[in-house]
Amino acid sequence: MSNQPARTPLPLAAADCHTPLVSEPLTAEQSERLAPSFKALGDPIRLRLLSLIASHQGGEACVCDLTDAFAVSAPTVSHHLKVLRESGLVASERRGTWVYYRAEPAALDLLSTVLSVPRRAGA
């Protein structure tokens, strides 16, 4: 067990990293800010959850629409949704007894920008 305090991921912001990593290296701070989002997407259930939420009609999905898509318990799905929310990839809103999730476009745009490869002329 580590004696170091737990680190809270820093929120992503478009100003943090607006250049593709193929154009210039990420700074240490940029890497620290981006890593939790990429780590969150490194789990197949979370990646699929994000896809289901982002592609759901209206751009948001009720947790009740997500749990049946997986062969895991509802608390496990809730845990994965919490990880996505804490990493800034999704936002949630409680409406009565249900929680609705939507993808955070700015976070997805930022990750997309970092991973993009500029098109070469004539390609």
N, C-alpha and C. Protein backbone atom coordinates (compact mmCIF):
# COMPACT_ATOMS: atom_id res chain seq x y z
N MET A 1 0.83 -1.17 0.00
CA MET A 1 0.00 0.00 0.00
C MET A 1 0.88 1.24 0.00
N SER A 2 0.53 2.22 -0.78
CA SER A 2 1.32 3.44 -0.91
C SER A 2 0.99 4.43 0.20
N ASN A 3 2.00 5.17 0.64
CA ASN A 3 1.79 6.21 1.63
C ASN A 3 1.43 7.54 0.99
N GLN A 4 1.41 7.59 -0.33
CA GLN A 4 1.09 8.83 -1.03
C GLN A 4 -0.41 9.04 -1.04
N PRO A 5 -0.86 10.30 -0.92
CA PRO A 5 -2.30 10.56 -0.96
C PRO A 5 -2.87 10.27 -2.34
N ALA A 6 -4.15 9.90 -2.37
CA ALA A 6 -4.82 9.63 -3.65
C ALA A 6 -4.87 10.92 -4.45
N ARG A 7 -4.66 10.80 -5.75
CA ARG A 7 -4.68 11.97 -6.63
C ARG A 7 -6.02 12.06 -7.33
N THR A 8 -6.59 13.21 -7.32
CA THR A 8 -7.82 13.47 -8.06
C THR A 8 -7.44 13.93 -9.44
N PRO A 9 -8.03 13.31 -10.50
CA PRO A 9 -7.68 13.75 -11.84
C PRO A 9 -8.06 15.21 -12.05
N LEU A 10 -7.21 15.92 -12.72
CA LEU A 10 -7.48 17.31 -13.03
C LEU A 10 -8.48 17.37 -14.17
N PRO A 11 -9.39 18.33 -14.16
CA PRO A 11 -10.38 18.41 -15.24
C PRO A 11 -9.70 18.77 -16.56
N LEU A 12 -10.28 18.25 -17.62
CA LEU A 12 -9.79 18.57 -18.95
C LEU A 12 -10.34 19.91 -19.39
N ALA A 13 -9.56 20.62 -20.13
CA ALA A 13 -10.01 21.88 -20.73
C ALA A 13 -9.38 21.98 -22.10
N ALA A 14 -10.10 22.56 -23.03
CA ALA A 14 -9.61 22.64 -24.40
C ALA A 14 -8.26 23.33 -24.48
N ALA A 15 -8.01 24.27 -23.60
CA ALA A 15 -6.73 24.99 -23.62
C ALA A 15 -5.57 24.11 -23.17
N ASP A 16 -5.88 23.00 -22.50
CA ASP A 16 -4.84 22.13 -21.98
C ASP A 16 -4.03 21.45 -23.08
N CYS A 17 -4.68 21.07 -24.13
CA CYS A 17 -3.98 20.33 -25.18
C CYS A 17 -4.78 20.42 -26.47
N HIS A 18 -4.47 21.38 -27.27
CA HIS A 18 -5.23 21.59 -28.51
C HIS A 18 -4.42 21.22 -29.74
N THR A 19 -3.27 20.60 -29.54
CA THR A 19 -2.40 20.22 -30.64
C THR A 19 -2.26 18.70 -30.68
N PRO A 20 -2.38 18.10 -31.85
CA PRO A 20 -2.20 16.65 -31.93
C PRO A 20 -0.82 16.24 -31.43
N LEU A 21 -0.75 15.11 -30.75
CA LEU A 21 0.54 14.68 -30.21
C LEU A 21 1.53 14.31 -31.30
N VAL A 22 1.09 14.17 -32.55
CA VAL A 22 2.04 13.93 -33.63
C VAL A 22 2.69 15.23 -34.10
N SER A 23 2.13 16.37 -33.67
CA SER A 23 2.69 17.66 -34.05
C SER A 23 3.75 18.14 -33.08
N GLU A 24 3.50 17.91 -31.80
CA GLU A 24 4.48 18.27 -30.77
C GLU A 24 4.23 17.40 -29.54
N PRO A 25 5.27 17.12 -28.78
CA PRO A 25 5.11 16.26 -27.61
C PRO A 25 4.22 16.90 -26.55
N LEU A 26 3.50 16.06 -25.83
CA LEU A 26 2.71 16.54 -24.71
C LEU A 26 3.63 16.95 -23.58
N THR A 27 3.22 17.96 -22.84
CA THR A 27 3.96 18.32 -21.64
C THR A 27 3.59 17.34 -20.53
N ALA A 28 4.35 17.37 -19.46
CA ALA A 28 4.04 16.51 -18.31
C ALA A 28 2.65 16.83 -17.77
N GLU A 29 2.32 18.12 -17.68
CA GLU A 29 1.01 18.53 -17.17
C GLU A 29 -0.12 18.05 -18.09
N GLN A 30 0.06 18.19 -19.39
CA GLN A 30 -0.95 17.72 -20.33
C GLN A 30 -1.16 16.22 -20.19
N SER A 31 -0.07 15.49 -20.06
CA SER A 31 -0.18 14.03 -19.89
C SER A 31 -0.93 13.68 -18.62
N GLU A 32 -0.65 14.40 -17.54
CA GLU A 32 -1.34 14.17 -16.27
C GLU A 32 -2.84 14.41 -16.40
N ARG A 33 -3.20 15.42 -17.16
CA ARG A 33 -4.61 15.76 -17.32
C ARG A 33 -5.35 14.80 -18.25
N LEU A 34 -4.67 14.31 -19.26
CA LEU A 34 -5.31 13.43 -20.25
C LEU A 34 -5.36 11.97 -19.81
N ALA A 35 -4.39 11.53 -19.06
CA ALA A 35 -4.28 10.11 -18.70
C ALA A 35 -5.53 9.52 -18.05
N PRO A 36 -6.19 10.19 -17.10
CA PRO A 36 -7.38 9.59 -16.50
C PRO A 36 -8.49 9.30 -17.51
N SER A 37 -8.64 10.16 -18.51
CA SER A 37 -9.67 9.92 -19.52
C SER A 37 -9.32 8.71 -20.37
N PHE A 38 -8.06 8.62 -20.79
CA PHE A 38 -7.67 7.46 -21.58
C PHE A 38 -7.71 6.19 -20.75
N LYS A 39 -7.35 6.29 -19.48
CA LYS A 39 -7.43 5.13 -18.59
C LYS A 39 -8.87 4.67 -18.44
N ALA A 40 -9.79 5.61 -18.29
CA ALA A 40 -11.21 5.27 -18.18
C ALA A 40 -11.70 4.54 -19.43
N LEU A 41 -11.21 4.95 -20.58
CA LEU A 41 -11.63 4.31 -21.83
C LEU A 41 -10.92 3.00 -22.10
N GLY A 42 -9.94 2.66 -21.26
CA GLY A 42 -9.21 1.41 -21.43
C GLY A 42 -9.97 0.18 -20.98
N ASP A 43 -11.14 0.35 -20.44
CA ASP A 43 -11.97 -0.77 -20.01
C ASP A 43 -13.07 -0.98 -21.05
N PRO A 44 -13.26 -2.21 -21.53
CA PRO A 44 -14.25 -2.45 -22.59
C PRO A 44 -15.67 -2.07 -22.19
N ILE A 45 -16.05 -2.28 -20.95
CA ILE A 45 -17.41 -1.91 -20.52
C ILE A 45 -17.58 -0.40 -20.57
N ARG A 46 -16.58 0.34 -20.08
CA ARG A 46 -16.70 1.80 -20.08
C ARG A 46 -16.68 2.35 -21.50
N LEU A 47 -15.86 1.78 -22.35
CA LEU A 47 -15.82 2.23 -23.74
C LEU A 47 -17.18 2.01 -24.40
N ARG A 48 -17.77 0.85 -24.15
CA ARG A 48 -19.08 0.55 -24.72
C ARG A 48 -20.16 1.44 -24.11
N LEU A 49 -20.09 1.66 -22.80
CA LEU A 49 -21.06 2.57 -22.16
C LEU A 49 -21.02 3.95 -22.80
N LEU A 50 -19.82 4.48 -22.98
CA LEU A 50 -19.69 5.80 -23.60
C LEU A 50 -20.30 5.79 -25.00
N SER A 51 -20.05 4.74 -25.74
CA SER A 51 -20.60 4.63 -27.09
C SER A 51 -22.13 4.56 -27.06
N LEU A 52 -22.67 3.78 -26.13
CA LEU A 52 -24.13 3.67 -26.01
C LEU A 52 -24.75 5.01 -25.63
N ILE A 53 -24.12 5.73 -24.72
CA ILE A 53 -24.63 7.03 -24.29
C ILE A 53 -24.56 8.03 -25.43
N ALA A 54 -23.40 8.14 -26.06
CA ALA A 54 -23.20 9.14 -27.12
C ALA A 54 -24.10 8.88 -28.33
N SER A 55 -24.38 7.63 -28.63
CA SER A 55 -25.17 7.31 -29.82
C SER A 55 -26.66 7.15 -29.51
N HIS A 56 -27.04 7.26 -28.25
CA HIS A 56 -28.44 7.11 -27.87
C HIS A 56 -29.26 8.26 -28.43
N GLN A 57 -30.51 7.95 -28.78
CA GLN A 57 -31.40 8.97 -29.32
C GLN A 57 -31.49 10.15 -28.36
N GLY A 58 -31.29 11.35 -28.86
CA GLY A 58 -31.33 12.55 -28.04
C GLY A 58 -30.02 12.86 -27.35
N GLY A 59 -29.01 11.99 -27.52
CA GLY A 59 -27.70 12.24 -26.96
C GLY A 59 -27.55 11.98 -25.48
N GLU A 60 -28.57 11.38 -24.88
CA GLU A 60 -28.47 11.00 -23.47
C GLU A 60 -29.22 9.70 -23.25
N ALA A 61 -28.81 9.00 -22.19
CA ALA A 61 -29.42 7.71 -21.91
C ALA A 61 -29.67 7.57 -20.41
N CYS A 62 -30.79 6.99 -20.09
CA CYS A 62 -31.12 6.68 -18.70
C CYS A 62 -30.32 5.45 -18.29
N VAL A 63 -29.91 5.43 -17.04
CA VAL A 63 -29.18 4.27 -16.55
C VAL A 63 -30.02 3.01 -16.75
N CYS A 64 -31.34 3.15 -16.72
CA CYS A 64 -32.23 2.00 -16.93
C CYS A 64 -32.11 1.44 -18.34
N ASP A 65 -31.67 2.28 -19.29
CA ASP A 65 -31.47 1.83 -20.67
C ASP A 65 -30.10 1.17 -20.87
N LEU A 66 -29.22 1.34 -19.92
CA LEU A 66 -27.85 0.85 -20.09
C LEU A 66 -27.57 -0.48 -19.40
N THR A 67 -28.22 -0.74 -18.29
CA THR A 67 -27.86 -1.91 -17.49
C THR A 67 -28.13 -3.24 -18.20
N ASP A 68 -29.20 -3.31 -18.99
CA ASP A 68 -29.54 -4.57 -19.66
C ASP A 68 -28.58 -4.92 -20.80
N ALA A 69 -27.76 -3.97 -21.22
CA ALA A 69 -26.84 -4.22 -22.34
C ALA A 69 -25.60 -5.00 -21.92
N PHE A 70 -25.46 -5.27 -20.62
CA PHE A 70 -24.24 -5.90 -20.11
C PHE A 70 -24.57 -7.12 -19.25
N ALA A 71 -23.66 -8.07 -19.25
CA ALA A 71 -23.81 -9.28 -18.45
C ALA A 71 -23.12 -9.10 -17.09
N VAL A 72 -23.30 -7.92 -16.52
CA VAL A 72 -22.76 -7.62 -15.19
C VAL A 72 -23.90 -7.02 -14.38
N SER A 73 -23.71 -6.92 -13.08
CA SER A 73 -24.76 -6.40 -12.20
C SER A 73 -24.94 -4.90 -12.39
N ALA A 74 -26.11 -4.41 -11.97
CA ALA A 74 -26.39 -2.98 -12.04
C ALA A 74 -25.39 -2.16 -11.22
N PRO A 75 -24.98 -2.63 -10.02
CA PRO A 75 -23.96 -1.87 -9.29
C PRO A 75 -22.63 -1.78 -10.05
N THR A 76 -22.29 -2.80 -10.80
CA THR A 76 -21.05 -2.76 -11.58
C THR A 76 -21.17 -1.73 -12.70
N VAL A 77 -22.31 -1.69 -13.36
CA VAL A 77 -22.54 -0.68 -14.39
C VAL A 77 -22.47 0.71 -13.77
N SER A 78 -23.08 0.87 -12.60
CA SER A 78 -23.04 2.16 -11.90
C SER A 78 -21.61 2.57 -11.57
N HIS A 79 -20.80 1.61 -11.17
CA HIS A 79 -19.39 1.91 -10.88
C HIS A 79 -18.68 2.42 -12.14
N HIS A 80 -18.89 1.75 -13.25
CA HIS A 80 -18.26 2.16 -14.51
C HIS A 80 -18.74 3.55 -14.95
N LEU A 81 -20.02 3.83 -14.75
CA LEU A 81 -20.55 5.15 -15.07
C LEU A 81 -19.92 6.22 -14.17
N LYS A 82 -19.70 5.88 -12.92
CA LYS A 82 -19.05 6.81 -11.99
C LYS A 82 -17.63 7.14 -12.46
N VAL A 83 -16.90 6.13 -12.93
CA VAL A 83 -15.55 6.36 -13.43
C VAL A 83 -15.58 7.28 -14.65
N LEU A 84 -16.52 7.05 -15.55
CA LEU A 84 -16.65 7.92 -16.73
C LEU A 84 -17.01 9.34 -16.31
N ARG A 85 -17.88 9.47 -15.33
CA ARG A 85 -18.29 10.80 -14.86
C ARG A 85 -17.12 11.51 -14.19
N GLU A 86 -16.39 10.80 -13.33
CA GLU A 86 -15.26 11.42 -12.63
C GLU A 86 -14.12 11.79 -13.56
N SER A 87 -14.01 11.10 -14.67
CA SER A 87 -12.96 11.44 -15.64
C SER A 87 -13.39 12.58 -16.56
N GLY A 88 -14.64 13.02 -16.46
CA GLY A 88 -15.13 14.13 -17.26
C GLY A 88 -15.65 13.75 -18.63
N LEU A 89 -15.78 12.47 -18.90
CA LEU A 89 -16.24 12.04 -20.21
C LEU A 89 -17.76 12.07 -20.35
N VAL A 90 -18.47 11.92 -19.24
CA VAL A 90 -19.93 12.02 -19.26
C VAL A 90 -20.38 12.91 -18.10
N ALA A 91 -21.56 13.44 -18.26
CA ALA A 91 -22.22 14.21 -17.20
C ALA A 91 -23.51 13.48 -16.86
N SER A 92 -24.00 13.70 -15.66
CA SER A 92 -25.23 13.02 -15.25
C SER A 92 -26.20 14.01 -14.63
N GLU A 93 -27.47 13.63 -14.69
CA GLU A 93 -28.53 14.45 -14.10
C GLU A 93 -29.59 13.51 -13.54
N ARG A 94 -29.92 13.71 -12.28
CA ARG A 94 -30.98 12.90 -11.66
C ARG A 94 -32.33 13.51 -12.00
N ARG A 95 -33.24 12.64 -12.44
CA ARG A 95 -34.62 13.04 -12.72
C ARG A 95 -35.52 12.03 -12.03
N GLY A 96 -36.05 12.41 -10.90
CA GLY A 96 -36.85 11.48 -10.11
C GLY A 96 -35.96 10.37 -9.57
N THR A 97 -36.33 9.14 -9.87
CA THR A 97 -35.54 8.01 -9.37
C THR A 97 -34.44 7.59 -10.34
N TRP A 98 -34.41 8.15 -11.54
CA TRP A 98 -33.46 7.73 -12.56
C TRP A 98 -32.37 8.76 -12.76
N VAL A 99 -31.21 8.28 -13.22
CA VAL A 99 -30.10 9.16 -13.56
C VAL A 99 -29.89 9.06 -15.07
N TYR A 100 -29.77 10.21 -15.71
CA TYR A 100 -29.55 10.27 -17.14
C TYR A 100 -28.11 10.72 -17.40
N TYR A 101 -27.48 10.11 -18.39
CA TYR A 101 -26.09 10.39 -18.73
C TYR A 101 -26.01 10.92 -20.14
N ARG A 102 -25.07 11.85 -20.33
CA ARG A 102 -24.79 12.36 -21.68
C ARG A 102 -23.28 12.52 -21.82
N ALA A 103 -22.80 12.30 -23.02
CA ALA A 103 -21.37 12.45 -23.30
C ALA A 103 -21.02 13.93 -23.25
N GLU A 104 -19.83 14.23 -22.78
CA GLU A 104 -19.34 15.61 -22.73
C GLU A 104 -18.60 15.91 -24.04
N PRO A 105 -19.22 16.65 -24.96
CA PRO A 105 -18.61 16.89 -26.27
C PRO A 105 -17.22 17.51 -26.19
N ALA A 106 -17.00 18.45 -25.28
CA ALA A 106 -15.70 19.11 -25.19
C ALA A 106 -14.60 18.11 -24.83
N ALA A 107 -14.90 17.19 -23.92
CA ALA A 107 -13.91 16.19 -23.54
C ALA A 107 -13.62 15.24 -24.70
N LEU A 108 -14.66 14.84 -25.42
CA LEU A 108 -14.46 13.95 -26.57
C LEU A 108 -13.71 14.66 -27.69
N ASP A 109 -14.04 15.92 -27.91
CA ASP A 109 -13.32 16.70 -28.93
C ASP A 109 -11.85 16.83 -28.59
N LEU A 110 -11.57 17.07 -27.31
CA LEU A 110 -10.18 17.22 -26.89
C LEU A 110 -9.40 15.92 -27.11
N LEU A 111 -9.96 14.79 -26.70
CA LEU A 111 -9.28 13.52 -26.90
C LEU A 111 -9.10 13.23 -28.39
N SER A 112 -10.11 13.57 -29.17
CA SER A 112 -10.02 13.38 -30.61
C SER A 112 -8.92 14.23 -31.22
N THR A 113 -8.83 15.47 -30.77
CA THR A 113 -7.79 16.38 -31.28
C THR A 113 -6.40 15.85 -30.96
N VAL A 114 -6.23 15.39 -29.75
CA VAL A 114 -4.91 14.89 -29.34
C VAL A 114 -4.49 13.70 -30.20
N LEU A 115 -5.45 12.86 -30.56
CA LEU A 115 -5.14 11.66 -31.33
C LEU A 115 -5.20 11.86 -32.83
N SER A 116 -5.61 13.02 -33.29
CA SER A 116 -5.74 13.21 -34.73
C SER A 116 -4.40 13.29 -35.42
N VAL A 117 -4.41 12.88 -36.65
CA VAL A 117 -3.23 12.96 -37.50
C VAL A 117 -3.57 13.92 -38.63
N PRO A 118 -2.82 15.01 -38.72
CA PRO A 118 -3.11 15.97 -39.80
C PRO A 118 -3.00 15.30 -41.17
N ARG A 119 -3.95 15.63 -42.01
CA ARG A 119 -3.93 15.07 -43.38
C ARG A 119 -2.81 15.75 -44.16
N ARG A 120 -2.13 14.95 -44.93
CA ARG A 120 -1.05 15.48 -45.77
C ARG A 120 -1.65 15.94 -47.09
N ALA A 121 -1.08 16.96 -47.66
CA ALA A 121 -1.55 17.46 -48.95
C ALA A 121 -1.45 16.36 -50.00
N GLY A 122 -2.51 16.19 -50.75
CA GLY A 122 -2.52 15.20 -51.81
C GLY A 122 -2.86 13.79 -51.32
N ALA A 123 -3.12 13.65 -50.03
CA ALA A 123 -3.45 12.31 -49.50
C ALA A 123 -4.91 12.02 -49.61
